[in-house]
Amino acid sequence: RNHFKQNGVVKGKQIKVPGRDTAILLFTRTVTDEFRAKSFGLKYPRFQQLYQSLLGKTRHTLNSVDLPFYEIDSSLQRGADFGSRLTDAIQQVADKGFKKVIVVGNDVPELNPELLREAAIGLQRGANVLGKDRHGGCYLIGIHINKDNLHALSQIDWHTHQVFSQLASLLPNLERLSHELKDLNQRADFISLLGAGVLSKALARLFRVLLYSLMFRRFTHHV
């Protein structure tokens, strides 16, 4: 049974990256599972709008580099915990013939094609690659697919502030990406990303609408 959603390549200019044996894995939750995990206090219709916008932005970014990418959401993942689901998804990529994988999620609006290219180049040099987020986690994990690296992923305390430091201590020949990015894990991250001026006009507009909705709900709850 095929557990992949393989995304086609969009027409248009793409950033050239090295590595015909490298694929990108978009490892995500379904909108329902993501809402259960972190709704930000939004009602489901508003959250669904945010989810679709972030997912669309991520897919567009991944389609901007000339590497194949596979999307495996929580409806297709197998395993008892995050680590086992992630390693299983990476193994599925390996079963397609790839030797290296770049893993990303859909909650980092700042992710761009240049960082994906930087990660691919690092992998071609023989390194494992991490992109650190502002919460102590990772917005990108680039590894050579082998037994030792997959075992390292199974040892991590995922969804904690220790993810980056633990991975950095376990993965050999490590390179860190040049930029530390903000991911969306709490309400304050919306304000921080808006203030940084890194969002597209459409996404910035949506963030303002969502923040207004949250503030309005808070106000009405206290009236």
Protein backbone atom coordinates (compact mmCIF):
# COMPACT_ATOMS: atom_id res chain seq x y z
CA ARG A 1 0.00 0.00 0.00
CA ASN A 2 1.32 3.43 -0.93
CA HIS A 3 1.32 5.85 2.02
CA PHE A 4 2.64 8.78 0.00
CA LYS A 5 1.15 11.94 -1.31
CA GLN A 6 3.79 12.79 -3.92
CA ASN A 7 3.51 16.37 -5.07
CA GLY A 8 4.05 17.26 -8.69
CA VAL A 9 6.48 19.92 -9.77
CA VAL A 10 4.93 23.25 -10.66
CA LYS A 11 5.91 24.94 -13.88
CA GLY A 12 8.10 28.00 -13.63
CA LYS A 13 11.54 28.96 -12.39
CA GLN A 14 12.99 26.74 -9.70
CA ILE A 15 16.10 27.06 -7.59
CA LYS A 16 18.62 24.44 -8.68
CA VAL A 17 19.94 22.29 -5.86
CA PRO A 18 22.42 19.41 -5.86
CA GLY A 19 21.56 15.85 -4.97
CA ARG A 20 19.58 13.49 -7.14
CA ASP A 21 19.47 11.07 -4.20
CA THR A 22 17.81 13.66 -1.90
CA ALA A 23 14.09 14.16 -1.28
CA ILE A 24 12.07 16.52 0.89
CA LEU A 25 9.56 15.13 3.38
CA LEU A 26 6.68 17.35 4.47
CA PHE A 27 5.71 15.76 7.76
CA THR A 28 2.44 17.19 9.04
CA ARG A 29 -0.81 16.58 10.86
CA THR A 30 -4.25 16.71 9.27
CA VAL A 31 -6.17 19.89 10.02
CA THR A 32 -8.31 18.05 12.59
CA ASP A 33 -5.30 16.60 14.41
CA GLU A 34 -3.47 19.93 14.29
CA PHE A 35 -6.51 21.70 15.76
CA ARG A 36 -6.56 19.22 18.64
CA ALA A 37 -2.84 19.74 19.26
CA LYS A 38 -2.69 23.56 19.12
CA SER A 39 -5.76 25.60 18.23
CA PHE A 40 -4.27 28.91 19.49
CA GLY A 41 -7.71 29.56 21.00
CA LEU A 42 -9.25 29.91 17.54
CA LYS A 43 -12.59 28.44 16.55
CA TYR A 44 -12.32 25.62 14.02
CA PRO A 45 -13.31 27.60 10.85
CA ARG A 46 -10.71 30.28 11.59
CA PHE A 47 -8.10 27.66 12.42
CA GLN A 48 -8.85 25.78 9.21
CA GLN A 49 -8.26 28.99 7.27
CA LEU A 50 -4.89 29.42 8.99
CA TYR A 51 -3.93 25.78 8.42
CA GLN A 52 -4.72 25.86 4.72
CA SER A 53 -2.82 29.11 4.26
CA LEU A 54 0.29 27.80 6.01
CA LEU A 55 0.15 24.48 4.19
CA GLY A 56 -0.27 26.24 0.85
CA LYS A 57 2.68 28.52 1.61
CA THR A 58 4.86 25.53 2.54
CA ARG A 59 3.92 23.56 -0.57
CA HIS A 60 4.70 26.56 -2.74
CA THR A 61 8.12 26.92 -1.10
CA LEU A 62 8.93 23.23 -1.57
CA ASN A 63 7.85 23.35 -5.19
CA SER A 64 10.30 26.21 -5.71
CA VAL A 65 13.32 23.89 -5.56
CA ASP A 66 14.04 21.10 -8.00
CA LEU A 67 13.92 18.27 -5.49
CA PRO A 68 11.04 15.76 -5.26
CA PHE A 69 8.95 16.13 -2.15
CA TYR A 70 6.58 13.80 -0.41
CA GLU A 71 3.82 14.74 1.99
CA ILE A 72 2.87 12.37 4.79
CA ASP A 73 0.23 13.70 7.16
CA SER A 74 -1.07 12.07 10.32
CA SER A 75 -3.71 10.08 8.42
CA LEU A 76 -0.87 8.22 6.66
CA GLN A 77 1.65 7.98 9.48
CA ARG A 78 2.35 4.74 11.34
CA GLY A 79 3.74 4.36 14.84
CA ALA A 80 2.91 4.72 18.51
CA ASP A 81 4.66 8.06 19.09
CA PHE A 82 6.12 11.01 17.17
CA GLY A 83 9.60 9.52 16.89
CA SER A 84 8.41 6.20 15.50
CA ARG A 85 6.03 7.91 13.08
CA LEU A 86 8.81 10.16 11.83
CA THR A 87 11.33 7.36 11.35
CA ASP A 88 8.71 5.26 9.55
CA ALA A 89 7.93 8.17 7.20
CA ILE A 90 11.65 8.63 6.47
CA GLN A 91 11.96 4.91 5.79
CA GLN A 92 9.15 5.23 3.26
CA VAL A 93 11.22 7.88 1.50
CA ALA A 94 14.26 5.56 1.61
CA ASP A 95 12.16 2.78 0.07
CA LYS A 96 11.72 5.04 -2.96
CA GLY A 97 15.47 4.94 -3.50
CA PHE A 98 16.57 8.14 -1.75
CA LYS A 99 19.68 8.24 0.44
CA LYS A 100 19.14 11.64 2.03
CA VAL A 101 16.05 13.45 3.29
CA ILE A 102 15.15 16.99 4.32
CA VAL A 103 12.25 16.98 6.80
CA VAL A 104 10.08 20.07 7.33
CA GLY A 105 6.68 20.89 8.80
CA ASN A 106 4.05 23.42 7.78
CA ASP A 107 4.24 25.84 10.72
CA VAL A 108 7.29 27.94 9.71
CA PRO A 109 6.16 30.76 7.39
CA GLU A 110 9.74 32.06 7.09
CA LEU A 111 11.03 28.88 5.42
CA ASN A 112 12.38 29.75 1.98
CA PRO A 113 13.96 27.97 -1.01
CA GLU A 114 17.43 29.34 -0.22
CA LEU A 115 17.47 27.53 3.15
CA LEU A 116 16.38 24.30 1.46
CA ARG A 117 19.23 24.72 -1.00
CA GLU A 118 21.66 25.34 1.86
CA ALA A 119 20.47 22.13 3.52
CA ALA A 120 20.83 20.12 0.30
CA ILE A 121 24.37 21.40 -0.21
CA GLY A 122 25.27 20.45 3.35
CA LEU A 123 23.96 16.93 2.79
CA GLN A 124 26.00 16.66 -0.41
CA ARG A 125 29.11 17.57 1.59
CA GLY A 126 28.40 14.58 3.81
CA ALA A 127 26.99 16.49 6.77
CA ASN A 128 23.73 16.14 8.64
CA VAL A 129 21.92 19.47 8.80
CA LEU A 130 19.65 21.18 11.35
CA GLY A 131 17.70 24.42 11.21
CA LYS A 132 17.01 25.70 14.72
CA ASP A 133 13.78 27.47 15.66
CA ARG A 134 13.35 30.10 18.37
CA HIS A 135 11.79 27.63 20.83
CA GLY A 136 14.73 25.24 20.96
CA GLY A 137 13.27 22.89 18.37
CA CYS A 138 14.06 22.35 14.70
CA TYR A 139 12.27 23.72 11.66
CA LEU A 140 14.37 21.53 9.36
CA ILE A 141 16.13 18.20 9.80
CA GLY A 142 18.39 16.99 7.01
CA ILE A 143 19.95 13.56 7.43
CA HIS A 144 21.64 10.75 5.61
CA ILE A 145 19.22 7.85 5.91
CA ASN A 146 21.02 5.14 7.83
CA LYS A 147 20.45 2.99 10.90
CA ASP A 148 22.38 5.21 13.31
CA ASN A 149 20.62 8.44 12.31
CA LEU A 150 17.18 6.84 12.44
CA HIS A 151 18.00 5.47 15.89
CA ALA A 152 19.02 8.98 16.99
CA LEU A 153 15.60 10.31 15.96
CA SER A 154 13.93 7.70 18.16
CA GLN A 155 15.81 9.00 21.24
CA ILE A 156 14.55 12.59 21.11
CA ASP A 157 12.11 14.21 23.55
CA TRP A 158 9.97 15.67 20.78
CA HIS A 159 7.81 18.77 21.32
CA THR A 160 10.16 20.09 24.00
CA HIS A 161 12.74 22.89 24.12
CA GLN A 162 15.47 20.21 24.09
CA VAL A 163 14.93 18.91 20.54
CA PHE A 164 17.71 20.87 18.86
CA SER A 165 20.30 20.28 21.59
CA GLN A 166 19.51 16.56 21.74
CA LEU A 167 19.72 16.14 17.97
CA ALA A 168 22.93 18.16 17.87
CA SER A 169 24.48 15.82 20.43
CA LEU A 170 23.42 12.64 18.63
CA LEU A 171 23.81 13.35 14.90
CA PRO A 172 27.41 13.11 13.65
CA ASN A 173 29.12 15.62 11.35
CA LEU A 174 26.49 18.26 12.02
CA GLU A 175 26.01 21.57 10.25
CA ARG A 176 23.62 24.26 11.44
CA LEU A 177 21.73 26.36 8.92
CA SER A 178 22.60 30.04 8.73
CA HIS A 179 19.21 31.33 9.92
CA GLU A 180 17.22 30.68 13.09
CA LEU A 181 13.50 30.92 12.32
CA LYS A 182 10.27 31.42 14.23
CA ASP A 183 7.66 28.69 14.17
CA LEU A 184 4.03 28.97 15.22
CA ASN A 185 3.54 27.31 18.59
CA GLN A 186 1.75 29.97 20.63
CA ARG A 187 -0.24 33.18 20.20
CA ALA A 188 2.77 35.41 20.81
CA ASP A 189 4.40 33.96 17.69
CA PHE A 190 1.74 35.63 15.51
CA ILE A 191 2.72 39.04 16.89
CA SER A 192 6.43 38.29 16.61
CA LEU A 193 6.17 37.24 12.95
CA LEU A 194 4.04 40.24 12.07
CA GLY A 195 6.56 42.56 13.72
CA ALA A 196 9.45 40.96 11.85
CA GLY A 197 7.93 41.92 8.50
CA VAL A 198 8.74 38.56 6.92
CA LEU A 199 5.23 37.50 5.89
CA SER A 200 3.59 37.87 2.52
CA LYS A 201 0.88 40.51 2.32
CA ALA A 202 -1.85 37.85 2.22
CA LEU A 203 -0.51 35.93 5.20
CA ALA A 204 0.12 39.12 7.20
CA ARG A 205 -3.47 40.19 6.53
CA LEU A 206 -4.75 36.81 7.72
CA PHE A 207 -2.61 36.98 10.88
CA ARG A 208 -4.08 40.40 11.72
CA VAL A 209 -7.62 39.09 11.24
CA LEU A 210 -6.90 36.10 13.48
CA LEU A 211 -5.33 38.26 16.18
CA TYR A 212 -8.33 40.58 16.09
CA SER A 213 -10.61 37.55 16.42
CA LEU A 214 -8.65 36.32 19.44
CA MET A 215 -8.69 39.73 21.12
CA PHE A 216 -12.41 40.12 20.45
CA ARG A 217 -13.16 36.71 21.98
CA ARG A 218 -11.06 37.58 25.04
CA PHE A 219 -12.86 40.91 25.43
CA THR A 220 -16.35 39.39 25.13
CA HIS A 221 -15.46 36.68 27.66
CA HIS A 222 -14.64 39.37 30.21
CA VAL A 223 -17.67 41.59 29.60
